[in-house]
Amino acid sequence: MQGSYPQFTALGVEVVALAVAPRASVRSVQSTVRAEYPMLADRNHQVAEAYGVYNLLGDELAAPSVFVVDGSGYIVWSYVGTEPQDRPAVADILAQLP
């Protein structure tokens, strides 16, 4: 996602990553991949559960997911992966932006 981040910011869109992991682990990953976008820790998986993506793959993690949220806070498009590497193409996400 880091390589595509400028495409999102050019459109005035923010990218936020969420991981079911402790904050220290998330910071380490963010540093390793040099992510400029925010990466948040969901250690107790409350957010992943609220979005309905926790443990879908039986791994006690959030399934790979993308949610496009409009300026009013409504989810206008979502993609939930069916395996660990299942993610939509950046072009598909950009096409869904309001």
PDB file of N, CA and C in Angstrom:
ATOM      1  N   MET A   1       0.827  -1.192   0.000  1.00  0.00           N
ATOM      2  CA  MET A   1       0.000   0.000   0.000  1.00  0.00           C
ATOM      3  C   MET A   1       0.874   1.261   0.000  1.00  0.00           C
ATOM      4  N   GLN A   2       2.048   1.167   0.588  1.00  0.00           N
ATOM      5  CA  GLN A   2       2.914   2.345   0.651  1.00  0.00           C
ATOM      6  C   GLN A   2       3.226   2.889  -0.744  1.00  0.00           C
ATOM      7  N   GLY A   3       3.475   2.024  -1.697  1.00  0.00           N
ATOM      8  CA  GLY A   3       3.789   2.472  -3.047  1.00  0.00           C
ATOM      9  C   GLY A   3       2.647   3.212  -3.719  1.00  0.00           C
ATOM     10  N   SER A   4       1.433   2.933  -3.303  1.00  0.00           N
ATOM     11  CA  SER A   4       0.253   3.574  -3.888  1.00  0.00           C
ATOM     12  C   SER A   4      -0.276   4.728  -3.046  1.00  0.00           C
ATOM     13  N   TYR A   5       0.295   4.918  -1.886  1.00  0.00           N
ATOM     14  CA  TYR A   5      -0.209   5.949  -0.974  1.00  0.00           C
ATOM     15  C   TYR A   5      -0.314   7.331  -1.627  1.00  0.00           C
ATOM     16  N   PRO A   6       0.664   7.766  -2.426  1.00  0.00           N
ATOM     17  CA  PRO A   6       0.530   9.083  -3.063  1.00  0.00           C
ATOM     18  C   PRO A   6      -0.703   9.221  -3.953  1.00  0.00           C
ATOM     19  N   GLN A   7      -1.146   8.129  -4.562  1.00  0.00           N
ATOM     20  CA  GLN A   7      -2.360   8.189  -5.390  1.00  0.00           C
ATOM     21  C   GLN A   7      -3.575   8.539  -4.528  1.00  0.00           C
ATOM     22  N   PHE A   8      -3.620   8.008  -3.328  1.00  0.00           N
ATOM     23  CA  PHE A   8      -4.739   8.280  -2.433  1.00  0.00           C
ATOM     24  C   PHE A   8      -4.675   9.710  -1.896  1.00  0.00           C
ATOM     25  N   THR A   9      -3.502  10.120  -1.442  1.00  0.00           N
ATOM     26  CA  THR A   9      -3.390  11.468  -0.867  1.00  0.00           C
ATOM     27  C   THR A   9      -3.639  12.537  -1.930  1.00  0.00           C
ATOM     28  N   ALA A  10      -3.277  12.263  -3.182  1.00  0.00           N
ATOM     29  CA  ALA A  10      -3.535  13.224  -4.255  1.00  0.00           C
ATOM     30  C   ALA A  10      -5.028  13.465  -4.434  1.00  0.00           C
ATOM     31  N   LEU A  11      -5.833  12.477  -4.047  1.00  0.00           N
ATOM     32  CA  LEU A  11      -7.291  12.606  -4.143  1.00  0.00           C
ATOM     33  C   LEU A  11      -7.916  13.105  -2.846  1.00  0.00           C
ATOM     34  N   GLY A  12      -7.073  13.419  -1.864  1.00  0.00           N
ATOM     35  CA  GLY A  12      -7.579  13.889  -0.583  1.00  0.00           C
ATOM     36  C   GLY A  12      -8.134  12.776   0.287  1.00  0.00           C
ATOM     37  N   VAL A  13      -7.638  11.560   0.067  1.00  0.00           N
ATOM     38  CA  VAL A  13      -8.121  10.381   0.778  1.00  0.00           C
ATOM     39  C   VAL A  13      -7.039   9.902   1.733  1.00  0.00           C
ATOM     40  N   GLU A  14      -7.438   9.454   2.910  1.00  0.00           N
ATOM     41  CA  GLU A  14      -6.486   8.915   3.874  1.00  0.00           C
ATOM     42  C   GLU A  14      -6.574   7.403   3.909  1.00  0.00           C
ATOM     43  N   VAL A  15      -5.436   6.769   4.042  1.00  0.00           N
ATOM     44  CA  VAL A  15      -5.329   5.326   4.198  1.00  0.00           C
ATOM     45  C   VAL A  15      -4.970   5.067   5.652  1.00  0.00           C
ATOM     46  N   VAL A  16      -5.672   4.126   6.276  1.00  0.00           N
ATOM     47  CA  VAL A  16      -5.373   3.737   7.649  1.00  0.00           C
ATOM     48  C   VAL A  16      -5.333   2.218   7.701  1.00  0.00           C
ATOM     49  N   ALA A  17      -4.263   1.684   8.252  1.00  0.00           N
ATOM     50  CA  ALA A  17      -4.146   0.232   8.409  1.00  0.00           C
ATOM     51  C   ALA A  17      -4.450  -0.132   9.852  1.00  0.00           C
ATOM     52  N   LEU A  18      -5.020  -1.289  10.043  1.00  0.00           N
ATOM     53  CA  LEU A  18      -5.372  -1.780  11.375  1.00  0.00           C
ATOM     54  C   LEU A  18      -4.905  -3.221  11.482  1.00  0.00           C
ATOM     55  N   ALA A  19      -4.253  -3.530  12.593  1.00  0.00           N
ATOM     56  CA  ALA A  19      -3.763  -4.891  12.792  1.00  0.00           C
ATOM     57  C   ALA A  19      -4.164  -5.393  14.164  1.00  0.00           C
ATOM     58  N   VAL A  20      -4.577  -6.648  14.223  1.00  0.00           N
ATOM     59  CA  VAL A  20      -4.868  -7.291  15.502  1.00  0.00           C
ATOM     60  C   VAL A  20      -3.513  -7.714  16.069  1.00  0.00           C
ATOM     61  N   ALA A  21      -2.897  -6.780  16.782  1.00  0.00           N
ATOM     62  CA  ALA A  21      -1.552  -6.985  17.316  1.00  0.00           C
ATOM     63  C   ALA A  21      -1.267  -5.908  18.356  1.00  0.00           C
ATOM     64  N   PRO A  22      -0.297  -6.143  19.225  1.00  0.00           N
ATOM     65  CA  PRO A  22       0.101  -5.106  20.187  1.00  0.00           C
ATOM     66  C   PRO A  22       0.719  -3.905  19.466  1.00  0.00           C
ATOM     67  N   ARG A  23       0.643  -2.766  20.105  1.00  0.00           N
ATOM     68  CA  ARG A  23       1.142  -1.517  19.526  1.00  0.00           C
ATOM     69  C   ARG A  23       2.617  -1.619  19.118  1.00  0.00           C
ATOM     70  N   ALA A  24       3.449  -2.262  19.939  1.00  0.00           N
ATOM     71  CA  ALA A  24       4.874  -2.374  19.615  1.00  0.00           C
ATOM     72  C   ALA A  24       5.084  -3.150  18.317  1.00  0.00           C
ATOM     73  N   SER A  25       4.311  -4.188  18.097  1.00  0.00           N
ATOM     74  CA  SER A  25       4.422  -4.972  16.859  1.00  0.00           C
ATOM     75  C   SER A  25       4.013  -4.142  15.645  1.00  0.00           C
ATOM     76  N   VAL A  26       2.949  -3.383  15.804  1.00  0.00           N
ATOM     77  CA  VAL A  26       2.468  -2.553  14.703  1.00  0.00           C
ATOM     78  C   VAL A  26       3.504  -1.478  14.370  1.00  0.00           C
ATOM     79  N   ARG A  27       4.079  -0.865  15.382  1.00  0.00           N
ATOM     80  CA  ARG A  27       5.117   0.152  15.140  1.00  0.00           C
ATOM     81  C   ARG A  27       6.318  -0.445  14.429  1.00  0.00           C
ATOM     82  N   SER A  28       6.683  -1.669  14.804  1.00  0.00           N
ATOM     83  CA  SER A  28       7.812  -2.335  14.173  1.00  0.00           C
ATOM     84  C   SER A  28       7.537  -2.577  12.692  1.00  0.00           C
ATOM     85  N   VAL A  29       6.348  -3.071  12.382  1.00  0.00           N
ATOM     86  CA  VAL A  29       5.972  -3.301  10.981  1.00  0.00           C
ATOM     87  C   VAL A  29       5.945  -1.985  10.218  1.00  0.00           C
ATOM     88  N   GLN A  30       5.377  -0.958  10.826  1.00  0.00           N
ATOM     89  CA  GLN A  30       5.290   0.337  10.163  1.00  0.00           C
ATOM     90  C   GLN A  30       6.684   0.865   9.836  1.00  0.00           C
ATOM     91  N   SER A  31       7.606   0.689  10.754  1.00  0.00           N
ATOM     92  CA  SER A  31       8.979   1.117  10.526  1.00  0.00           C
ATOM     93  C   SER A  31       9.649   0.283   9.446  1.00  0.00           C
ATOM     94  N   THR A  32       9.433  -1.016   9.489  1.00  0.00           N
ATOM     95  CA  THR A  32      10.052  -1.922   8.526  1.00  0.00           C
ATOM     96  C   THR A  32       9.599  -1.634   7.100  1.00  0.00           C
ATOM     97  N   VAL A  33       8.301  -1.419   6.915  1.00  0.00           N
ATOM     98  CA  VAL A  33       7.784  -1.160   5.564  1.00  0.00           C
ATOM     99  C   VAL A  33       7.814   0.330   5.206  1.00  0.00           C
ATOM    100  N   ARG A  34       8.233   1.132   6.181  1.00  0.00           N
ATOM    101  CA  ARG A  34       8.333   2.596   5.996  1.00  0.00           C
ATOM    102  C   ARG A  34       7.011   3.204   5.558  1.00  0.00           C
ATOM    103  N   ALA A  35       5.954   2.735   6.200  1.00  0.00           N
ATOM    104  CA  ALA A  35       4.611   3.220   5.871  1.00  0.00           C
ATOM    105  C   ALA A  35       4.431   4.653   6.360  1.00  0.00           C
ATOM    106  N   GLU A  36       3.998   5.512   5.478  1.00  0.00           N
ATOM    107  CA  GLU A  36       3.724   6.900   5.827  1.00  0.00           C
ATOM    108  C   GLU A  36       2.299   7.076   6.341  1.00  0.00           C
ATOM    109  N   TYR A  37       1.450   6.131   6.046  1.00  0.00           N
ATOM    110  CA  TYR A  37       0.060   6.206   6.493  1.00  0.00           C
ATOM    111  C   TYR A  37      -0.039   5.648   7.917  1.00  0.00           C
ATOM    112  N   PRO A  38      -1.087   6.047   8.643  1.00  0.00           N
ATOM    113  CA  PRO A  38      -1.256   5.551  10.013  1.00  0.00           C
ATOM    114  C   PRO A  38      -1.503   4.051  10.053  1.00  0.00           C
ATOM    115  N   MET A  39      -0.883   3.409  11.015  1.00  0.00           N
ATOM    116  CA  MET A  39      -1.123   1.992  11.285  1.00  0.00           C
ATOM    117  C   MET A  39      -1.529   1.892  12.747  1.00  0.00           C
ATOM    118  N   LEU A  40      -2.684   1.316  12.986  1.00  0.00           N
ATOM    119  CA  LEU A  40      -3.246   1.259  14.326  1.00  0.00           C
ATOM    120  C   LEU A  40      -3.272  -0.165  14.860  1.00  0.00           C
ATOM    121  N   ALA A  41      -3.095  -0.271  16.166  1.00  0.00           N
ATOM    122  CA  ALA A  41      -3.133  -1.575  16.829  1.00  0.00           C
ATOM    123  C   ALA A  41      -4.531  -1.828  17.373  1.00  0.00           C
ATOM    124  N   ASP A  42      -5.045  -3.000  17.116  1.00  0.00           N
ATOM    125  CA  ASP A  42      -6.356  -3.436  17.613  1.00  0.00           C
ATOM    126  C   ASP A  42      -6.119  -4.693  18.448  1.00  0.00           C
ATOM    127  N   ARG A  43      -5.314  -4.533  19.493  1.00  0.00           N
ATOM    128  CA  ARG A  43      -4.845  -5.668  20.286  1.00  0.00           C
ATOM    129  C   ARG A  43      -5.961  -6.589  20.753  1.00  0.00           C
ATOM    130  N   ASN A  44      -7.060  -6.022  21.197  1.00  0.00           N
ATOM    131  CA  ASN A  44      -8.175  -6.825  21.715  1.00  0.00           C
ATOM    132  C   ASN A  44      -9.232  -7.097  20.646  1.00  0.00           C
ATOM    133  N   HIS A  45      -8.913  -6.825  19.414  1.00  0.00           N
ATOM    134  CA  HIS A  45      -9.730  -7.067  18.213  1.00  0.00           C
ATOM    135  C   HIS A  45     -11.144  -6.501  18.279  1.00  0.00           C
ATOM    136  N   GLN A  46     -11.335  -5.445  19.031  1.00  0.00           N
ATOM    137  CA  GLN A  46     -12.664  -4.829  19.128  1.00  0.00           C
ATOM    138  C   GLN A  46     -13.109  -4.208  17.810  1.00  0.00           C
ATOM    139  N   VAL A  47     -12.194  -3.530  17.132  1.00  0.00           N
ATOM    140  CA  VAL A  47     -12.551  -2.890  15.866  1.00  0.00           C
ATOM    141  C   VAL A  47     -12.787  -3.956  14.793  1.00  0.00           C
ATOM    142  N   ALA A  48     -11.892  -4.947  14.738  1.00  0.00           N
ATOM    143  CA  ALA A  48     -12.059  -6.027  13.755  1.00  0.00           C
ATOM    144  C   ALA A  48     -13.393  -6.742  13.960  1.00  0.00           C
ATOM    145  N   GLU A  49     -13.781  -6.948  15.198  1.00  0.00           N
ATOM    146  CA  GLU A  49     -15.079  -7.583  15.471  1.00  0.00           C
ATOM    147  C   GLU A  49     -16.219  -6.675  15.043  1.00  0.00           C
ATOM    148  N   ALA A  50     -16.109  -5.381  15.333  1.00  0.00           N
ATOM    149  CA  ALA A  50     -17.173  -4.441  14.972  1.00  0.00           C
ATOM    150  C   ALA A  50     -17.381  -4.383  13.454  1.00  0.00           C
ATOM    151  N   TYR A  51     -16.304  -4.554  12.699  1.00  0.00           N
ATOM    152  CA  TYR A  51     -16.395  -4.543  11.236  1.00  0.00           C
ATOM    153  C   TYR A  51     -16.692  -5.928  10.670  1.00  0.00           C
ATOM    154  N   GLY A  52     -16.792  -6.921  11.536  1.00  0.00           N
ATOM    155  CA  GLY A  52     -17.174  -8.261  11.104  1.00  0.00           C
ATOM    156  C   GLY A  52     -16.088  -9.025  10.372  1.00  0.00           C
ATOM    157  N   VAL A  53     -14.820  -8.709  10.647  1.00  0.00           N
ATOM    158  CA  VAL A  53     -13.733  -9.365   9.921  1.00  0.00           C
ATOM    159  C   VAL A  53     -12.783 -10.151  10.833  1.00  0.00           C
ATOM    160  N   TYR A  54     -13.108 -10.246  12.113  1.00  0.00           N
ATOM    161  CA  TYR A  54     -12.213 -10.952  13.037  1.00  0.00           C
ATOM    162  C   TYR A  54     -12.376 -12.458  12.937  1.00  0.00           C
ATOM    163  N   ASN A  55     -11.274 -13.157  12.803  1.00  0.00           N
ATOM    164  CA  ASN A  55     -11.183 -14.618  12.832  1.00  0.00           C
ATOM    165  C   ASN A  55     -11.978 -15.317  11.721  1.00  0.00           C
ATOM    166  N   LEU A  56     -12.214 -14.634  10.634  1.00  0.00           N
ATOM    167  CA  LEU A  56     -12.943 -15.260   9.528  1.00  0.00           C
ATOM    168  C   LEU A  56     -12.156 -16.399   8.891  1.00  0.00           C
ATOM    169  N   LEU A  57     -10.827 -16.317   9.004  1.00  0.00           N
ATOM    170  CA  LEU A  57      -9.980 -17.337   8.402  1.00  0.00           C
ATOM    171  C   LEU A  57      -9.490 -18.344   9.437  1.00  0.00           C
ATOM    172  N   GLY A  58     -10.035 -18.271  10.660  1.00  0.00           N
ATOM    173  CA  GLY A  58      -9.670 -19.194  11.715  1.00  0.00           C
ATOM    174  C   GLY A  58      -8.280 -18.984  12.276  1.00  0.00           C
ATOM    175  N   ASP A  59      -7.746 -17.760  12.133  1.00  0.00           N
ATOM    176  CA  ASP A  59      -6.381 -17.483  12.585  1.00  0.00           C
ATOM    177  C   ASP A  59      -6.306 -16.471  13.724  1.00  0.00           C
ATOM    178  N   GLU A  60      -7.465 -16.102  14.273  1.00  0.00           N
ATOM    179  CA  GLU A  60      -7.560 -15.119  15.357  1.00  0.00           C
ATOM    180  C   GLU A  60      -6.945 -13.772  14.979  1.00  0.00           C
ATOM    181  N   LEU A  61      -7.053 -13.434  13.702  1.00  0.00           N
ATOM    182  CA  LEU A  61      -6.627 -12.149  13.171  1.00  0.00           C
ATOM    183  C   LEU A  61      -7.779 -11.556  12.377  1.00  0.00           C
ATOM    184  N   ALA A  62      -7.607 -10.338  11.931  1.00  0.00           N
ATOM    185  CA  ALA A  62      -8.591  -9.740  11.032  1.00  0.00           C
ATOM    186  C   ALA A  62      -8.320 -10.250   9.624  1.00  0.00           C
ATOM    187  N   ALA A  63      -9.356 -10.622   8.915  1.00  0.00           N
ATOM    188  CA  ALA A  63      -9.197 -11.008   7.510  1.00  0.00           C
ATOM    189  C   ALA A  63      -8.718  -9.772   6.748  1.00  0.00           C
ATOM    190  N   PRO A  64      -7.933  -9.950   5.695  1.00  0.00           N
ATOM    191  CA  PRO A  64      -7.515  -8.789   4.914  1.00  0.00           C
ATOM    192  C   PRO A  64      -8.767  -8.102   4.350  1.00  0.00           C
ATOM    193  N   SER A  65      -8.889  -6.828   4.659  1.00  0.00           N
ATOM    194  CA  SER A  65     -10.119  -6.114   4.315  1.00  0.00           C
ATOM    195  C   SER A  65      -9.816  -4.681   3.918  1.00  0.00           C
ATOM    196  N   VAL A  66     -10.695  -4.133   3.095  1.00  0.00           N
ATOM    197  CA  VAL A  66     -10.630  -2.730   2.727  1.00  0.00           C
ATOM    198  C   VAL A  66     -12.030  -2.160   2.888  1.00  0.00           C
ATOM    199  N   PHE A  67     -12.109  -1.031   3.567  1.00  0.00           N
ATOM    200  CA  PHE A  67     -13.376  -0.336   3.732  1.00  0.00           C
ATOM    201  C   PHE A  67     -13.195   1.090   3.235  1.00  0.00           C
ATOM    202  N   VAL A  68     -14.061   1.527   2.344  1.00  0.00           N
ATOM    203  CA  VAL A  68     -14.075   2.909   1.892  1.00  0.00           C
ATOM    204  C   VAL A  68     -15.178   3.592   2.685  1.00  0.00           C
ATOM    205  N   VAL A  69     -14.776   4.599   3.444  1.00  0.00           N
ATOM    206  CA  VAL A  69     -15.699   5.322   4.313  1.00  0.00           C
ATOM    207  C   VAL A  69     -15.816   6.747   3.780  1.00  0.00           C
ATOM    208  N   ASP A  70     -17.050   7.209   3.609  1.00  0.00           N
ATOM    209  CA  ASP A  70     -17.228   8.558   3.077  1.00  0.00           C
ATOM    210  C   ASP A  70     -17.050   9.609   4.172  1.00  0.00           C
ATOM    211  N   GLY A  71     -17.158  10.851   3.800  1.00  0.00           N
ATOM    212  CA  GLY A  71     -16.949  11.962   4.728  1.00  0.00           C
ATOM    213  C   GLY A  71     -17.933  12.013   5.871  1.00  0.00           C
ATOM    214  N   SER A  72     -19.044  11.317   5.757  1.00  0.00           N
ATOM    215  CA  SER A  72     -20.044  11.269   6.820  1.00  0.00           C
ATOM    216  C   SER A  72     -19.847  10.065   7.731  1.00  0.00           C
ATOM    217  N   GLY A  73     -18.845   9.236   7.424  1.00  0.00           N
ATOM    218  CA  GLY A  73     -18.567   8.072   8.255  1.00  0.00           C
ATOM    219  C   GLY A  73     -19.280   6.804   7.837  1.00  0.00           C
ATOM    220  N   TYR A  74     -19.900   6.809   6.660  1.00  0.00           N
ATOM    221  CA  TYR A  74     -20.604   5.625   6.178  1.00  0.00           C
ATOM    222  C   TYR A  74     -19.703   4.770   5.299  1.00  0.00           C
ATOM    223  N   ILE A  75     -19.796   3.475   5.457  1.00  0.00           N
ATOM    224  CA  ILE A  75     -19.067   2.557   4.587  1.00  0.00           C
ATOM    225  C   ILE A  75     -19.804   2.536   3.253  1.00  0.00           C
ATOM    226  N   VAL A  76     -19.106   2.933   2.192  1.00  0.00           N
ATOM    227  CA  VAL A  76     -19.730   2.974   0.875  1.00  0.00           C
ATOM    228  C   VAL A  76     -19.249   1.827  -0.018  1.00  0.00           C
ATOM    229  N   TRP A  77     -18.207   1.138   0.416  1.00  0.00           N
ATOM    230  CA  TRP A  77     -17.707  -0.026  -0.323  1.00  0.00           C
ATOM    231  C   TRP A  77     -16.801  -0.820   0.599  1.00  0.00           C
ATOM    232  N   SER A  78     -16.821  -2.124   0.446  1.00  0.00           N
ATOM    233  CA  SER A  78     -15.919  -2.949   1.251  1.00  0.00           C
ATOM    234  C   SER A  78     -15.488  -4.171   0.460  1.00  0.00           C
ATOM    235  N   TYR A  79     -14.355  -4.692   0.857  1.00  0.00           N
ATOM    236  CA  TYR A  79     -13.809  -5.909   0.272  1.00  0.00           C
ATOM    237  C   TYR A  79     -13.230  -6.716   1.419  1.00  0.00           C
ATOM    238  N   VAL A  80     -13.635  -7.944   1.570  1.00  0.00           N
ATOM    239  CA  VAL A  80     -13.120  -8.819   2.618  1.00  0.00           C
ATOM    240  C   VAL A  80     -12.503 -10.036   1.948  1.00  0.00           C
ATOM    241  N   GLY A  81     -11.218 -10.235   2.188  1.00  0.00           N
ATOM    242  CA  GLY A  81     -10.491 -11.327   1.573  1.00  0.00           C
ATOM    243  C   GLY A  81     -10.891 -12.686   2.122  1.00  0.00           C
ATOM    244  N   THR A  82     -10.701 -13.700   1.303  1.00  0.00           N
ATOM    245  CA  THR A  82     -11.058 -15.064   1.690  1.00  0.00           C
ATOM    246  C   THR A  82      -9.841 -15.924   2.000  1.00  0.00           C
ATOM    247  N   GLU A  83      -8.645 -15.320   1.893  1.00  0.00           N
ATOM    248  CA  GLU A  83      -7.401 -15.980   2.271  1.00  0.00           C
ATOM    249  C   GLU A  83      -6.398 -14.890   2.653  1.00  0.00           C
ATOM    250  N   PRO A  84      -5.308 -15.235   3.334  1.00  0.00           N
ATOM    251  CA  PRO A  84      -4.401 -14.216   3.868  1.00  0.00           C
ATOM    252  C   PRO A  84      -3.867 -13.195   2.859  1.00  0.00           C
ATOM    253  N   GLN A  85      -3.630 -13.580   1.629  1.00  0.00           N
ATOM    254  CA  GLN A  85      -3.078 -12.644   0.639  1.00  0.00           C
ATOM    255  C   GLN A  85      -4.132 -12.061  -0.305  1.00  0.00           C
ATOM    256  N   ASP A  86      -5.396 -12.280  -0.015  1.00  0.00           N
ATOM    257  CA  ASP A  86      -6.488 -11.834  -0.883  1.00  0.00           C
ATOM    258  C   ASP A  86      -6.807 -10.365  -0.618  1.00  0.00           C
ATOM    259  N   ARG A  87      -6.351  -9.532  -1.516  1.00  0.00           N
ATOM    260  CA  ARG A  87      -6.586  -8.098  -1.406  1.00  0.00           C
ATOM    261  C   ARG A  87      -6.985  -7.553  -2.775  1.00  0.00           C
ATOM    262  N   PRO A  88      -7.808  -6.515  -2.808  1.00  0.00           N
ATOM    263  CA  PRO A  88      -8.187  -5.941  -4.099  1.00  0.00           C
ATOM    264  C   PRO A  88      -7.030  -5.137  -4.691  1.00  0.00           C
ATOM    265  N   ALA A  89      -7.036  -4.985  -5.996  1.00  0.00           N
ATOM    266  CA  ALA A  89      -6.040  -4.145  -6.665  1.00  0.00           C
ATOM    267  C   ALA A  89      -6.291  -2.690  -6.298  1.00  0.00           C
ATOM    268  N   VAL A  90      -5.233  -1.918  -6.266  1.00  0.00           N
ATOM    269  CA  VAL A  90      -5.346  -0.494  -5.942  1.00  0.00           C
ATOM    270  C   VAL A  90      -6.317   0.190  -6.894  1.00  0.00           C
ATOM    271  N   ALA A  91      -6.271  -0.160  -8.164  1.00  0.00           N
ATOM    272  CA  ALA A  91      -7.183   0.452  -9.149  1.00  0.00           C
ATOM    273  C   ALA A  91      -8.639   0.176  -8.785  1.00  0.00           C
ATOM    274  N   ASP A  92      -8.919  -1.002  -8.248  1.00  0.00           N
ATOM    275  CA  ASP A  92     -10.289  -1.331  -7.854  1.00  0.00           C
ATOM    276  C   ASP A  92     -10.729  -0.487  -6.663  1.00  0.00           C
ATOM    277  N   ILE A  93      -9.808  -0.242  -5.749  1.00  0.00           N
ATOM    278  CA  ILE A  93     -10.137   0.598  -4.594  1.00  0.00           C
ATOM    279  C   ILE A  93     -10.358   2.036  -5.054  1.00  0.00           C
ATOM    280  N   LEU A  94      -9.447   2.547  -5.853  1.00  0.00           N
ATOM    281  CA  LEU A  94      -9.579   3.929  -6.346  1.00  0.00           C
ATOM    282  C   LEU A  94     -10.885   4.132  -7.097  1.00  0.00           C
ATOM    283  N   ALA A  95     -11.355   3.132  -7.827  1.00  0.00           N
ATOM    284  CA  ALA A  95     -12.597   3.225  -8.587  1.00  0.00           C
ATOM    285  C   ALA A  95     -13.810   3.350  -7.675  1.00  0.00           C
ATOM    286  N   GLN A  96     -13.669   2.967  -6.424  1.00  0.00           N
ATOM    287  CA  GLN A  96     -14.797   2.996  -5.494  1.00  0.00           C
ATOM    288  C   GLN A  96     -14.869   4.281  -4.668  1.00  0.00           C
ATOM    289  N   LEU A  97     -13.894   5.137  -4.796  1.00  0.00           N
ATOM    290  CA  LEU A  97     -13.877   6.346  -3.975  1.00  0.00           C
ATOM    291  C   LEU A  97     -15.013   7.279  -4.362  1.00  0.00           C
ATOM    292  N   PRO A  98     -15.652   7.834  -3.336  1.00  0.00           N
ATOM    293  CA  PRO A  98     -16.778   8.754  -3.636  1.00  0.00           C
ATOM    294  C   PRO A  98     -16.314  10.054  -4.264  1.00  0.00           C
TER     295      PRO A  98
END
